[in-house]
Amino acid sequence: MSARRTTSVGKPESREYVRSLLSVNGASSNAVASGVLLSQRSPLAYSHQGPPPPIIMPTYHGFLWPGWPLCWLVGFRRVLTDRVAFITGSGRGIGRAIALAFAAAGARVVIAARSEDEIHTVANEIGKAGGQAIPVSCDVTSALSVAAAVQETTQRFDPVDILVNNAGYVDSAPLTRVTEETWNRTIAVNLTGTFLCVREMLPSMINRKRGRIINIASTAAEIGYPYTAAYCAAKHGVLGLTRATALEVASKGITVNAICPGWVDTEMTARSVARIVRTTGRSASEARSALEAMNPQRRLIQPEEVADLAVWFAGDEAAGVTGQAYNVADGKGST
């Protein structure tokens, strides 16, 4: 069934076609009512084989993200064609959303994490939708593992053009109960892992005078939160590393920026909800509402919202932006 044309941004001639796409891809047809359908002639449309489908530009108010593989229709121009993107912690959550968005924008994506099953699953998702992705096992806390992962990437694709440091770990406890093991692991995954990946991939970027480094930090990189001292310390370090590295390579065609999400609807947040339930006796619904209340819009950020910003940082349009921290936090700012 071929797509029907629309004459302008706004109401499509037929929503039944889009509903059929949503149904096939396991998403609710209610999403149609919350998005707009772009003309096939829109500059946001990208080339592909077969008749051009409509492109759904979602909002994030009132419906869940339509889901993969429908995001191939979500208005991403192919701004990252053939660029190699290495994304840590991309087997789930924010990392997975960024991987899917980068693939939709034309990048060759390296799904890097320790979780073998998850990285293969995401790589297969992208491959089945016509994108290019490879799963690469990587422990960001090990310099040897990072070096091996980069070597494999170069052999199977090309040198890394875009590095997204997304791997993260958080645990919560009063500072007096934080063990050295928890402290060291939190620093190792969030901060040392970011350093090791940047150090390994930066020389090639400098040699080619081109590169994008995107560090997924947190609003915890800008302000303190109780019971997460180790995480706040690590993320503050990530932001400092971002700014210092950006100045070192500002004249070399490389940008280094940080994205600072608030509470995001991911497995990590689900674990935080479970901890609140376990330690306070609140219900899961009450615990989730408490986290939502920490964001001014009273909702959790969707992973795809972070991914949208990452695509922009990775593209040519953001060439003049470096050393910056952008919040995706429902209006919550730094203090």
C-alpha atoms as a PDB file:
ATOM      1  CA  MET A   1       0.000   0.000   0.000  1.00  0.00           C
ATOM      2  CA  SER A   2       1.612   3.263  -1.043  1.00  0.00           C
ATOM      3  CA  ALA A   3       1.731   6.348   1.130  1.00  0.00           C
ATOM      4  CA  ARG A   4      -0.715   9.110   0.366  1.00  0.00           C
ATOM      5  CA  ARG A   5       0.611  12.617  -0.089  1.00  0.00           C
ATOM      6  CA  THR A   6      -0.055  15.550   2.176  1.00  0.00           C
ATOM      7  CA  THR A   7      -0.187  19.057   0.842  1.00  0.00           C
ATOM      8  CA  SER A   8       1.400  20.739   3.851  1.00  0.00           C
ATOM      9  CA  VAL A   9       2.460  20.191   7.426  1.00  0.00           C
ATOM     10  CA  GLY A  10      -0.684  19.457   9.345  1.00  0.00           C
ATOM     11  CA  LYS A  11      -3.642  17.166   8.910  1.00  0.00           C
ATOM     12  CA  PRO A  12      -2.909  14.288   6.496  1.00  0.00           C
ATOM     13  CA  GLU A  13      -5.300  13.164   3.804  1.00  0.00           C
ATOM     14  CA  SER A  14      -5.431   9.731   5.393  1.00  0.00           C
ATOM     15  CA  ARG A  15      -4.545   8.664   8.900  1.00  0.00           C
ATOM     16  CA  GLU A  16      -5.511   5.067   8.274  1.00  0.00           C
ATOM     17  CA  TYR A  17      -2.194   4.431   6.532  1.00  0.00           C
ATOM     18  CA  VAL A  18      -0.233   5.772   9.469  1.00  0.00           C
ATOM     19  CA  ARG A  19      -2.352   3.792  11.905  1.00  0.00           C
ATOM     20  CA  SER A  20      -1.534   0.670   9.909  1.00  0.00           C
ATOM     21  CA  LEU A  21       2.175   1.442  10.245  1.00  0.00           C
ATOM     22  CA  LEU A  22       1.803   1.989  13.960  1.00  0.00           C
ATOM     23  CA  SER A  23      -0.145  -1.235  14.301  1.00  0.00           C
ATOM     24  CA  VAL A  24       2.483  -3.223  12.425  1.00  0.00           C
ATOM     25  CA  ASN A  25       5.222  -1.812  14.602  1.00  0.00           C
ATOM     26  CA  GLY A  26       3.401  -2.415  17.853  1.00  0.00           C
ATOM     27  CA  ALA A  27       2.600   1.190  18.700  1.00  0.00           C
ATOM     28  CA  SER A  28      -0.653   2.760  19.704  1.00  0.00           C
ATOM     29  CA  SER A  29      -2.620   4.521  16.980  1.00  0.00           C
ATOM     30  CA  ASN A  30      -3.251   7.259  19.540  1.00  0.00           C
ATOM     31  CA  ALA A  31       0.222   8.512  18.668  1.00  0.00           C
ATOM     32  CA  VAL A  32      -1.130   9.778  15.364  1.00  0.00           C
ATOM     33  CA  ALA A  33      -3.336  12.299  17.096  1.00  0.00           C
ATOM     34  CA  SER A  34      -0.360  13.738  18.970  1.00  0.00           C
ATOM     35  CA  GLY A  35       2.002  14.143  16.021  1.00  0.00           C
ATOM     36  CA  VAL A  36       2.015  15.932  12.701  1.00  0.00           C
ATOM     37  CA  LEU A  37       2.470  14.372   9.318  1.00  0.00           C
ATOM     38  CA  LEU A  38       5.019  16.018   7.055  1.00  0.00           C
ATOM     39  CA  SER A  39       4.778  16.250   3.306  1.00  0.00           C
ATOM     40  CA  GLN A  40       6.870  13.778   1.358  1.00  0.00           C
ATOM     41  CA  ARG A  41       8.574  16.834  -0.117  1.00  0.00           C
ATOM     42  CA  SER A  42       9.633  18.045   3.322  1.00  0.00           C
ATOM     43  CA  PRO A  43      13.370  18.713   3.693  1.00  0.00           C
ATOM     44  CA  LEU A  44      13.207  16.429   6.720  1.00  0.00           C
ATOM     45  CA  ALA A  45      12.446  13.469   4.495  1.00  0.00           C
ATOM     46  CA  TYR A  46      15.440  11.369   3.566  1.00  0.00           C
ATOM     47  CA  SER A  47      16.009   9.145   0.581  1.00  0.00           C
ATOM     48  CA  HIS A  48      15.347   5.435   0.789  1.00  0.00           C
ATOM     49  CA  GLN A  49      14.206   2.613  -1.425  1.00  0.00           C
ATOM     50  CA  GLY A  50      10.569   2.345  -2.312  1.00  0.00           C
ATOM     51  CA  PRO A  51       7.743   4.885  -2.130  1.00  0.00           C
ATOM     52  CA  PRO A  52       8.423   7.583   0.461  1.00  0.00           C
ATOM     53  CA  PRO A  53       6.361   7.020   3.603  1.00  0.00           C
ATOM     54  CA  PRO A  54       4.838   9.794   5.657  1.00  0.00           C
ATOM     55  CA  ILE A  55       7.057  11.087   8.437  1.00  0.00           C
ATOM     56  CA  ILE A  56       5.669  11.377  11.922  1.00  0.00           C
ATOM     57  CA  MET A  57       7.084  14.175  14.038  1.00  0.00           C
ATOM     58  CA  PRO A  58       6.089  13.218  17.578  1.00  0.00           C
ATOM     59  CA  THR A  59       5.504  15.453  20.500  1.00  0.00           C
ATOM     60  CA  TYR A  60       6.165  14.120  23.973  1.00  0.00           C
ATOM     61  CA  HIS A  61       2.929  15.248  25.522  1.00  0.00           C
ATOM     62  CA  GLY A  62       0.235  12.660  25.958  1.00  0.00           C
ATOM     63  CA  PHE A  63       1.585   9.580  24.243  1.00  0.00           C
ATOM     64  CA  LEU A  64       4.394   7.119  24.468  1.00  0.00           C
ATOM     65  CA  TRP A  65       7.137   7.174  21.857  1.00  0.00           C
ATOM     66  CA  PRO A  66       5.850   5.142  18.908  1.00  0.00           C
ATOM     67  CA  GLY A  67       8.753   2.721  19.127  1.00  0.00           C
ATOM     68  CA  TRP A  68      11.286   1.035  16.934  1.00  0.00           C
ATOM     69  CA  PRO A  69      11.396   0.578  13.967  1.00  0.00           C
ATOM     70  CA  LEU A  70       8.878   3.386  13.414  1.00  0.00           C
ATOM     71  CA  CYS A  71      11.572   5.893  14.369  1.00  0.00           C
ATOM     72  CA  TRP A  72      12.950   5.463  10.861  1.00  0.00           C
ATOM     73  CA  LEU A  73       9.941   7.604   9.900  1.00  0.00           C
ATOM     74  CA  VAL A  74      10.507  10.244  12.546  1.00  0.00           C
ATOM     75  CA  GLY A  75      11.839  13.169  10.629  1.00  0.00           C
ATOM     76  CA  PHE A  76      15.563  12.522  10.955  1.00  0.00           C
ATOM     77  CA  ARG A  77      17.460  13.756   7.936  1.00  0.00           C
ATOM     78  CA  ARG A  78      20.421  11.577   7.109  1.00  0.00           C
ATOM     79  CA  VAL A  79      22.828  14.061   8.644  1.00  0.00           C
ATOM     80  CA  LEU A  80      25.243  11.389   9.876  1.00  0.00           C
ATOM     81  CA  THR A  81      25.587   9.303   6.709  1.00  0.00           C
ATOM     82  CA  ASP A  82      28.501   6.854   6.896  1.00  0.00           C
ATOM     83  CA  ARG A  83      29.928   8.357  10.074  1.00  0.00           C
ATOM     84  CA  VAL A  84      31.027   5.828  12.664  1.00  0.00           C
ATOM     85  CA  ALA A  85      29.394   6.339  16.058  1.00  0.00           C
ATOM     86  CA  PHE A  86      30.675   4.479  19.120  1.00  0.00           C
ATOM     87  CA  ILE A  87      28.048   4.507  21.880  1.00  0.00           C
ATOM     88  CA  THR A  88      28.806   3.036  25.288  1.00  0.00           C
ATOM     89  CA  GLY A  89      26.046   1.545  27.401  1.00  0.00           C
ATOM     90  CA  SER A  90      23.884   1.269  24.299  1.00  0.00           C
ATOM     91  CA  GLY A  91      22.204  -2.042  25.011  1.00  0.00           C
ATOM     92  CA  ARG A  92      19.288  -0.329  26.730  1.00  0.00           C
ATOM     93  CA  GLY A  93      17.826   2.940  27.958  1.00  0.00           C
ATOM     94  CA  ILE A  94      19.251   6.232  26.732  1.00  0.00           C
ATOM     95  CA  GLY A  95      22.121   4.520  24.924  1.00  0.00           C
ATOM     96  CA  ARG A  96      19.770   2.329  22.939  1.00  0.00           C
ATOM     97  CA  ALA A  97      17.617   5.330  21.990  1.00  0.00           C
ATOM     98  CA  ILE A  98      20.693   7.204  20.788  1.00  0.00           C
ATOM     99  CA  ALA A  99      21.855   4.181  18.789  1.00  0.00           C
ATOM    100  CA  LEU A 100      18.500   3.912  17.015  1.00  0.00           C
ATOM    101  CA  ALA A 101      18.398   7.645  16.321  1.00  0.00           C
ATOM    102  CA  PHE A 102      21.948   7.696  14.967  1.00  0.00           C
ATOM    103  CA  ALA A 103      21.222   4.731  12.725  1.00  0.00           C
ATOM    104  CA  ALA A 104      18.110   6.481  11.429  1.00  0.00           C
ATOM    105  CA  ALA A 105      20.308   9.493  10.656  1.00  0.00           C
ATOM    106  CA  GLY A 106      22.623   7.319   8.546  1.00  0.00           C
ATOM    107  CA  ALA A 107      25.455   6.545  10.946  1.00  0.00           C
ATOM    108  CA  ARG A 108      27.252   3.236  11.213  1.00  0.00           C
ATOM    109  CA  VAL A 109      26.694   2.450  14.857  1.00  0.00           C
ATOM    110  CA  VAL A 110      28.816   0.507  17.324  1.00  0.00           C
ATOM    111  CA  ILE A 111      26.646  -0.942  20.085  1.00  0.00           C
ATOM    112  CA  ALA A 112      29.152  -1.111  22.938  1.00  0.00           C
ATOM    113  CA  ALA A 113      28.472  -2.540  26.389  1.00  0.00           C
ATOM    114  CA  ARG A 114      29.233  -5.531  28.606  1.00  0.00           C
ATOM    115  CA  SER A 115      25.787  -7.094  28.182  1.00  0.00           C
ATOM    116  CA  GLU A 116      26.265  -9.429  25.206  1.00  0.00           C
ATOM    117  CA  ASP A 117      22.599 -10.330  24.757  1.00  0.00           C
ATOM    118  CA  GLU A 118      21.460  -6.710  24.796  1.00  0.00           C
ATOM    119  CA  ILE A 119      24.041  -5.348  22.360  1.00  0.00           C
ATOM    120  CA  HIS A 120      23.269  -8.129  19.872  1.00  0.00           C
ATOM    121  CA  THR A 121      19.545  -7.444  20.207  1.00  0.00           C
ATOM    122  CA  VAL A 122      19.941  -3.723  19.452  1.00  0.00           C
ATOM    123  CA  ALA A 123      22.336  -4.358  16.566  1.00  0.00           C
ATOM    124  CA  ASN A 124      19.872  -6.837  15.087  1.00  0.00           C
ATOM    125  CA  GLU A 125      17.031  -4.329  15.416  1.00  0.00           C
ATOM    126  CA  ILE A 126      18.983  -1.778  13.454  1.00  0.00           C
ATOM    127  CA  GLY A 127      20.086  -4.308  10.838  1.00  0.00           C
ATOM    128  CA  LYS A 128      16.567  -5.572  10.242  1.00  0.00           C
ATOM    129  CA  ALA A 129      15.435  -2.003   9.622  1.00  0.00           C
ATOM    130  CA  GLY A 130      18.130  -1.495   6.999  1.00  0.00           C
ATOM    131  CA  GLY A 131      20.717   0.281   9.141  1.00  0.00           C
ATOM    132  CA  GLN A 132      24.309  -0.584   9.899  1.00  0.00           C
ATOM    133  CA  ALA A 133      25.335  -1.626  13.395  1.00  0.00           C
ATOM    134  CA  ILE A 134      27.752  -4.009  15.056  1.00  0.00           C
ATOM    135  CA  PRO A 135      27.761  -5.271  18.641  1.00  0.00           C
ATOM    136  CA  VAL A 136      31.110  -4.843  20.379  1.00  0.00           C
ATOM    137  CA  SER A 137      31.786  -6.034  23.908  1.00  0.00           C
ATOM    138  CA  CYS A 138      33.337  -3.256  25.974  1.00  0.00           C
ATOM    139  CA  ASP A 139      34.004  -2.694  29.679  1.00  0.00           C
ATOM    140  CA  VAL A 140      34.608   1.040  29.949  1.00  0.00           C
ATOM    141  CA  THR A 141      36.427   0.630  33.266  1.00  0.00           C
ATOM    142  CA  SER A 142      39.229  -1.305  31.535  1.00  0.00           C
ATOM    143  CA  ALA A 143      41.714   0.488  29.287  1.00  0.00           C
ATOM    144  CA  LEU A 144      42.540  -2.816  27.583  1.00  0.00           C
ATOM    145  CA  SER A 145      38.872  -3.529  26.863  1.00  0.00           C
ATOM    146  CA  VAL A 146      38.312  -0.044  25.455  1.00  0.00           C
ATOM    147  CA  ALA A 147      41.408  -0.329  23.231  1.00  0.00           C
ATOM    148  CA  ALA A 148      40.285  -3.728  21.936  1.00  0.00           C
ATOM    149  CA  ALA A 149      36.793  -2.400  21.202  1.00  0.00           C
ATOM    150  CA  VAL A 150      38.187   0.548  19.254  1.00  0.00           C
ATOM    151  CA  GLN A 151      40.499  -1.758  17.282  1.00  0.00           C
ATOM    152  CA  GLU A 152      37.578  -4.002  16.378  1.00  0.00           C
ATOM    153  CA  THR A 153      35.537  -0.960  15.343  1.00  0.00           C
ATOM    154  CA  THR A 154      38.291   0.292  13.044  1.00  0.00           C
ATOM    155  CA  GLN A 155      38.706  -3.135  11.465  1.00  0.00           C
ATOM    156  CA  ARG A 156      35.011  -3.687  10.840  1.00  0.00           C
ATOM    157  CA  PHE A 157      33.975  -0.109  10.054  1.00  0.00           C
ATOM    158  CA  ASP A 158      36.422   2.807  10.118  1.00  0.00           C
ATOM    159  CA  PRO A 159      37.929   5.049  12.800  1.00  0.00           C
ATOM    160  CA  VAL A 160      35.397   6.530  15.204  1.00  0.00           C
ATOM    161  CA  ASP A 161      33.891   9.878  14.160  1.00  0.00           C
ATOM    162  CA  ILE A 162      31.422  10.227  17.030  1.00  0.00           C
ATOM    163  CA  LEU A 163      31.906   9.051  20.603  1.00  0.00           C
ATOM    164  CA  VAL A 164      28.943   8.990  22.969  1.00  0.00           C
ATOM    165  CA  ASN A 165      29.910   8.234  26.561  1.00  0.00           C
ATOM    166  CA  ASN A 166      26.664   6.944  27.979  1.00  0.00           C
ATOM    167  CA  ALA A 167      27.622   4.012  30.225  1.00  0.00           C
ATOM    168  CA  GLY A 168      26.544   4.773  33.766  1.00  0.00           C
ATOM    169  CA  TYR A 169      26.061   3.372  37.227  1.00  0.00           C
ATOM    170  CA  VAL A 170      24.292   4.767  40.274  1.00  0.00           C
ATOM    171  CA  ASP A 171      23.556   3.545  43.771  1.00  0.00           C
ATOM    172  CA  SER A 172      21.965   5.520  46.565  1.00  0.00           C
ATOM    173  CA  ALA A 173      22.714   5.612  50.267  1.00  0.00           C
ATOM    174  CA  PRO A 174      23.511   8.185  52.946  1.00  0.00           C
ATOM    175  CA  LEU A 175      27.143   9.232  52.614  1.00  0.00           C
ATOM    176  CA  THR A 176      28.073   7.581  55.916  1.00  0.00           C
ATOM    177  CA  ARG A 177      26.915   4.242  54.508  1.00  0.00           C
ATOM    178  CA  VAL A 178      28.637   4.469  51.129  1.00  0.00           C
ATOM    179  CA  THR A 179      31.264   1.745  50.925  1.00  0.00           C
ATOM    180  CA  GLU A 180      34.606   2.194  49.196  1.00  0.00           C
ATOM    181  CA  GLU A 181      33.509  -0.478  46.738  1.00  0.00           C
ATOM    182  CA  THR A 182      30.416   1.524  45.770  1.00  0.00           C
ATOM    183  CA  TRP A 183      32.387   4.766  45.581  1.00  0.00           C
ATOM    184  CA  ASN A 184      35.107   3.247  43.411  1.00  0.00           C
ATOM    185  CA  ARG A 185      32.653   1.523  41.064  1.00  0.00           C
ATOM    186  CA  THR A 186      30.599   4.694  40.631  1.00  0.00           C
ATOM    187  CA  ILE A 187      33.672   6.751  39.787  1.00  0.00           C
ATOM    188  CA  ALA A 188      35.082   4.003  37.557  1.00  0.00           C
ATOM    189  CA  VAL A 189      32.004   3.582  35.359  1.00  0.00           C
ATOM    190  CA  ASN A 190      30.827   7.179  35.144  1.00  0.00           C
ATOM    191  CA  LEU A 191      34.055   9.189  35.183  1.00  0.00           C
ATOM    192  CA  THR A 192      37.058   6.948  34.553  1.00  0.00           C
ATOM    193  CA  GLY A 193      35.185   5.147  31.779  1.00  0.00           C
ATOM    194  CA  THR A 194      34.483   8.451  30.050  1.00  0.00           C
ATOM    195  CA  PHE A 195      38.154   9.432  30.383  1.00  0.00           C
ATOM    196  CA  LEU A 196      39.417   6.105  29.013  1.00  0.00           C
ATOM    197  CA  CYS A 197      37.147   6.250  25.958  1.00  0.00           C
ATOM    198  CA  VAL A 198      38.012   9.866  25.183  1.00  0.00           C
ATOM    199  CA  ARG A 199      41.737   9.213  25.602  1.00  0.00           C
ATOM    200  CA  GLU A 200      41.598   6.183  23.298  1.00  0.00           C
ATOM    201  CA  MET A 201      39.565   7.742  20.478  1.00  0.00           C
ATOM    202  CA  LEU A 202      40.726  11.352  20.543  1.00  0.00           C
ATOM    203  CA  PRO A 203      44.108  10.865  18.774  1.00  0.00           C
ATOM    204  CA  SER A 204      42.448   9.574  15.611  1.00  0.00           C
ATOM    205  CA  MET A 205      40.001  12.467  15.635  1.00  0.00           C
ATOM    206  CA  ILE A 206      42.874  14.929  16.006  1.00  0.00           C
ATOM    207  CA  ASN A 207      44.741  13.333  13.107  1.00  0.00           C
ATOM    208  CA  ARG A 208      41.676  13.572  10.862  1.00  0.00           C
ATOM    209  CA  LYS A 209      40.717  17.034  12.191  1.00  0.00           C
ATOM    210  CA  ARG A 210      37.154  15.869  12.717  1.00  0.00           C
ATOM    211  CA  GLY A 211      35.218  14.473  15.630  1.00  0.00           C
ATOM    212  CA  ARG A 212      32.295  14.738  17.977  1.00  0.00           C
ATOM    213  CA  ILE A 213      32.366  13.708  21.638  1.00  0.00           C
ATOM    214  CA  ILE A 214      29.072  13.687  23.506  1.00  0.00           C
ATOM    215  CA  ASN A 215      29.128  12.891  27.214  1.00  0.00           C
ATOM    216  CA  ILE A 216      25.848  11.904  28.828  1.00  0.00           C
ATOM    217  CA  ALA A 217      26.120  13.559  32.203  1.00  0.00           C
ATOM    218  CA  SER A 218      23.125  14.445  34.386  1.00  0.00           C
ATOM    219  CA  THR A 219      21.613  17.339  36.251  1.00  0.00           C
ATOM    220  CA  ALA A 220      23.648  15.710  39.045  1.00  0.00           C
ATOM    221  CA  ALA A 221      26.678  17.152  37.202  1.00  0.00           C
ATOM    222  CA  GLU A 222      25.444  20.649  38.060  1.00  0.00           C
ATOM    223  CA  ILE A 223      23.680  20.377  41.414  1.00  0.00           C
ATOM    224  CA  GLY A 224      23.749  18.018  44.368  1.00  0.00           C
ATOM    225  CA  TYR A 225      21.163  15.401  45.215  1.00  0.00           C
ATOM    226  CA  PRO A 226      20.959  13.754  48.630  1.00  0.00           C
ATOM    227  CA  TYR A 227      21.977  10.097  48.982  1.00  0.00           C
ATOM    228  CA  THR A 228      23.870  10.097  45.669  1.00  0.00           C
ATOM    229  CA  ALA A 229      27.164  11.713  46.670  1.00  0.00           C
ATOM    230  CA  ALA A 230      29.325   9.338  44.630  1.00  0.00           C
ATOM    231  CA  TYR A 231      27.179   9.763  41.532  1.00  0.00           C
ATOM    232  CA  CYS A 232      27.121  13.555  41.865  1.00  0.00           C
ATOM    233  CA  ALA A 233      30.896  13.619  42.318  1.00  0.00           C
ATOM    234  CA  ALA A 234      31.411  11.439  39.235  1.00  0.00           C
ATOM    235  CA  LYS A 235      29.060  13.450  37.045  1.00  0.00           C
ATOM    236  CA  HIS A 236      30.546  16.755  38.192  1.00  0.00           C
ATOM    237  CA  GLY A 237      33.855  15.265  37.082  1.00  0.00           C
ATOM    238  CA  VAL A 238      32.394  14.366  33.679  1.00  0.00           C
ATOM    239  CA  LEU A 239      31.322  17.971  33.184  1.00  0.00           C
ATOM    240  CA  GLY A 240      34.764  19.254  34.146  1.00  0.00           C
ATOM    241  CA  LEU A 241      36.379  16.755  31.778  1.00  0.00           C
ATOM    242  CA  THR A 242      34.018  17.891  29.010  1.00  0.00           C
ATOM    243  CA  ARG A 243      34.923  21.552  29.388  1.00  0.00           C
ATOM    244  CA  ALA A 244      38.659  21.004  29.703  1.00  0.00           C
ATOM    245  CA  THR A 245      38.851  18.647  26.721  1.00  0.00           C
ATOM    246  CA  ALA A 246      36.734  20.992  24.598  1.00  0.00           C
ATOM    247  CA  LEU A 247      39.274  23.774  25.073  1.00  0.00           C
ATOM    248  CA  GLU A 248      42.193  21.485  24.254  1.00  0.00           C
ATOM    249  CA  VAL A 249      40.754  20.470  20.879  1.00  0.00           C
ATOM    250  CA  ALA A 250      38.679  23.530  19.952  1.00  0.00           C
ATOM    251  CA  SER A 251      40.970  24.396  17.033  1.00  0.00           C
ATOM    252  CA  LYS A 252      41.158  20.839  15.699  1.00  0.00           C
ATOM    253  CA  GLY A 253      37.678  20.357  14.229  1.00  0.00           C
ATOM    254  CA  ILE A 254      36.437  18.477  17.293  1.00  0.00           C
ATOM    255  CA  THR A 255      33.584  19.414  19.608  1.00  0.00           C
ATOM    256  CA  VAL A 256      33.034  18.079  23.108  1.00  0.00           C
ATOM    257  CA  ASN A 257      29.703  18.619  24.817  1.00  0.00           C
ATOM    258  CA  ALA A 258      27.596  17.187  27.621  1.00  0.00           C
ATOM    259  CA  ILE A 259      23.916  16.388  27.826  1.00  0.00           C
ATOM    260  CA  CYS A 260      22.459  16.631  31.312  1.00  0.00           C
ATOM    261  CA  PRO A 261      19.139  14.777  31.605  1.00  0.00           C
ATOM    262  CA  GLY A 262      16.885  14.921  34.610  1.00  0.00           C
ATOM    263  CA  TRP A 263      15.004  11.798  35.643  1.00  0.00           C
ATOM    264  CA  VAL A 264      14.563   9.655  32.526  1.00  0.00           C
ATOM    265  CA  ASP A 265      12.113   6.800  32.025  1.00  0.00           C
ATOM    266  CA  THR A 266      14.702   4.004  31.886  1.00  0.00           C
ATOM    267  CA  GLU A 267      15.659   0.810  33.683  1.00  0.00           C
ATOM    268  CA  MET A 268      17.974   2.845  35.931  1.00  0.00           C
ATOM    269  CA  THR A 269      15.047   4.937  37.127  1.00  0.00           C
ATOM    270  CA  ALA A 270      12.977   1.782  37.604  1.00  0.00           C
ATOM    271  CA  ARG A 271      15.701   0.503  39.924  1.00  0.00           C
ATOM    272  CA  SER A 272      15.560   3.779  41.828  1.00  0.00           C
ATOM    273  CA  VAL A 273      11.800   3.347  42.202  1.00  0.00           C
ATOM    274  CA  ALA A 274      12.367  -0.164  43.550  1.00  0.00           C
ATOM    275  CA  ARG A 275      14.906   1.147  46.087  1.00  0.00           C
ATOM    276  CA  ILE A 276      12.481   3.816  47.284  1.00  0.00           C
ATOM    277  CA  VAL A 277       9.776   1.177  47.695  1.00  0.00           C
ATOM    278  CA  ARG A 278      12.167  -1.091  49.589  1.00  0.00           C
ATOM    279  CA  THR A 279      13.539   1.557  51.943  1.00  0.00           C
ATOM    280  CA  THR A 280      10.481   3.750  52.567  1.00  0.00           C
ATOM    281  CA  GLY A 281       7.487   1.452  52.261  1.00  0.00           C
ATOM    282  CA  ARG A 282       5.899   3.648  49.607  1.00  0.00           C
ATOM    283  CA  SER A 283       4.053   2.077  46.720  1.00  0.00           C
ATOM    284  CA  ALA A 284       5.717   1.957  43.316  1.00  0.00           C
ATOM    285  CA  SER A 285       3.241   4.541  42.057  1.00  0.00           C
ATOM    286  CA  GLU A 286       4.043   6.892  44.933  1.00  0.00           C
ATOM    287  CA  ALA A 287       7.768   6.431  44.419  1.00  0.00           C
ATOM    288  CA  ARG A 288       7.523   7.165  40.704  1.00  0.00           C
ATOM    289  CA  SER A 289       5.378  10.235  41.381  1.00  0.00           C
ATOM    290  CA  ALA A 290       8.028  11.504  43.786  1.00  0.00           C
ATOM    291  CA  LEU A 291      10.661  11.281  41.056  1.00  0.00           C
ATOM    292  CA  GLU A 292       8.356  12.903  38.507  1.00  0.00           C
ATOM    293  CA  ALA A 293       7.787  15.760  40.955  1.00  0.00           C
ATOM    294  CA  MET A 294      11.515  16.530  40.850  1.00  0.00           C
ATOM    295  CA  ASN A 295      11.127  17.596  37.203  1.00  0.00           C
ATOM    296  CA  PRO A 296       9.285  20.919  36.780  1.00  0.00           C
ATOM    297  CA  GLN A 297       6.979  19.466  34.087  1.00  0.00           C
ATOM    298  CA  ARG A 298       6.012  16.705  36.522  1.00  0.00           C
ATOM    299  CA  ARG A 299       6.936  13.877  34.187  1.00  0.00           C
ATOM    300  CA  LEU A 300       9.870  11.661  33.360  1.00  0.00           C
ATOM    301  CA  ILE A 301      11.981  12.509  30.318  1.00  0.00           C
ATOM    302  CA  GLN A 302      11.738   9.980  27.490  1.00  0.00           C
ATOM    303  CA  PRO A 303      15.065   8.507  26.250  1.00  0.00           C
ATOM    304  CA  GLU A 304      14.279   9.642  22.707  1.00  0.00           C
ATOM    305  CA  GLU A 305      14.286  13.260  23.840  1.00  0.00           C
ATOM    306  CA  VAL A 306      17.915  12.873  24.864  1.00  0.00           C
ATOM    307  CA  ALA A 307      18.635  11.095  21.575  1.00  0.00           C
ATOM    308  CA  ASP A 308      17.219  14.007  19.551  1.00  0.00           C
ATOM    309  CA  LEU A 309      19.721  16.385  21.128  1.00  0.00           C
ATOM    310  CA  ALA A 310      22.569  13.911  20.649  1.00  0.00           C
ATOM    311  CA  VAL A 311      21.840  13.736  16.905  1.00  0.00           C
ATOM    312  CA  TRP A 312      22.074  17.503  16.696  1.00  0.00           C
ATOM    313  CA  PHE A 313      25.350  17.628  18.649  1.00  0.00           C
ATOM    314  CA  ALA A 314      26.776  14.964  16.315  1.00  0.00           C
ATOM    315  CA  GLY A 315      25.890  16.811  13.115  1.00  0.00           C
ATOM    316  CA  ASP A 316      27.488  19.661  11.206  1.00  0.00           C
ATOM    317  CA  GLU A 317      24.876  22.135  12.435  1.00  0.00           C
ATOM    318  CA  ALA A 318      26.495  22.061  15.904  1.00  0.00           C
ATOM    319  CA  ALA A 319      30.049  22.678  14.681  1.00  0.00           C
ATOM    320  CA  GLY A 320      30.256  25.934  16.610  1.00  0.00           C
ATOM    321  CA  VAL A 321      29.013  24.497  19.892  1.00  0.00           C
ATOM    322  CA  THR A 322      31.628  23.022  22.224  1.00  0.00           C
ATOM    323  CA  GLY A 323      32.331  22.846  25.932  1.00  0.00           C
ATOM    324  CA  GLN A 324      28.645  23.194  26.698  1.00  0.00           C
ATOM    325  CA  ALA A 325      26.216  21.362  28.981  1.00  0.00           C
ATOM    326  CA  TYR A 326      22.640  21.213  27.729  1.00  0.00           C
ATOM    327  CA  ASN A 327      19.902  20.193  30.122  1.00  0.00           C
ATOM    328  CA  VAL A 328      17.055  17.906  29.087  1.00  0.00           C
ATOM    329  CA  ALA A 329      15.218  18.229  32.337  1.00  0.00           C
ATOM    330  CA  ASP A 330      11.710  19.614  31.907  1.00  0.00           C
ATOM    331  CA  GLY A 331      12.884  23.109  32.801  1.00  0.00           C
ATOM    332  CA  LYS A 332      15.141  22.172  35.703  1.00  0.00           C
ATOM    333  CA  GLY A 333      18.316  24.251  35.461  1.00  0.00           C
ATOM    334  CA  SER A 334      21.652  24.399  37.180  1.00  0.00           C
ATOM    335  CA  THR A 335      22.204  26.486  40.271  1.00  0.00           C
END
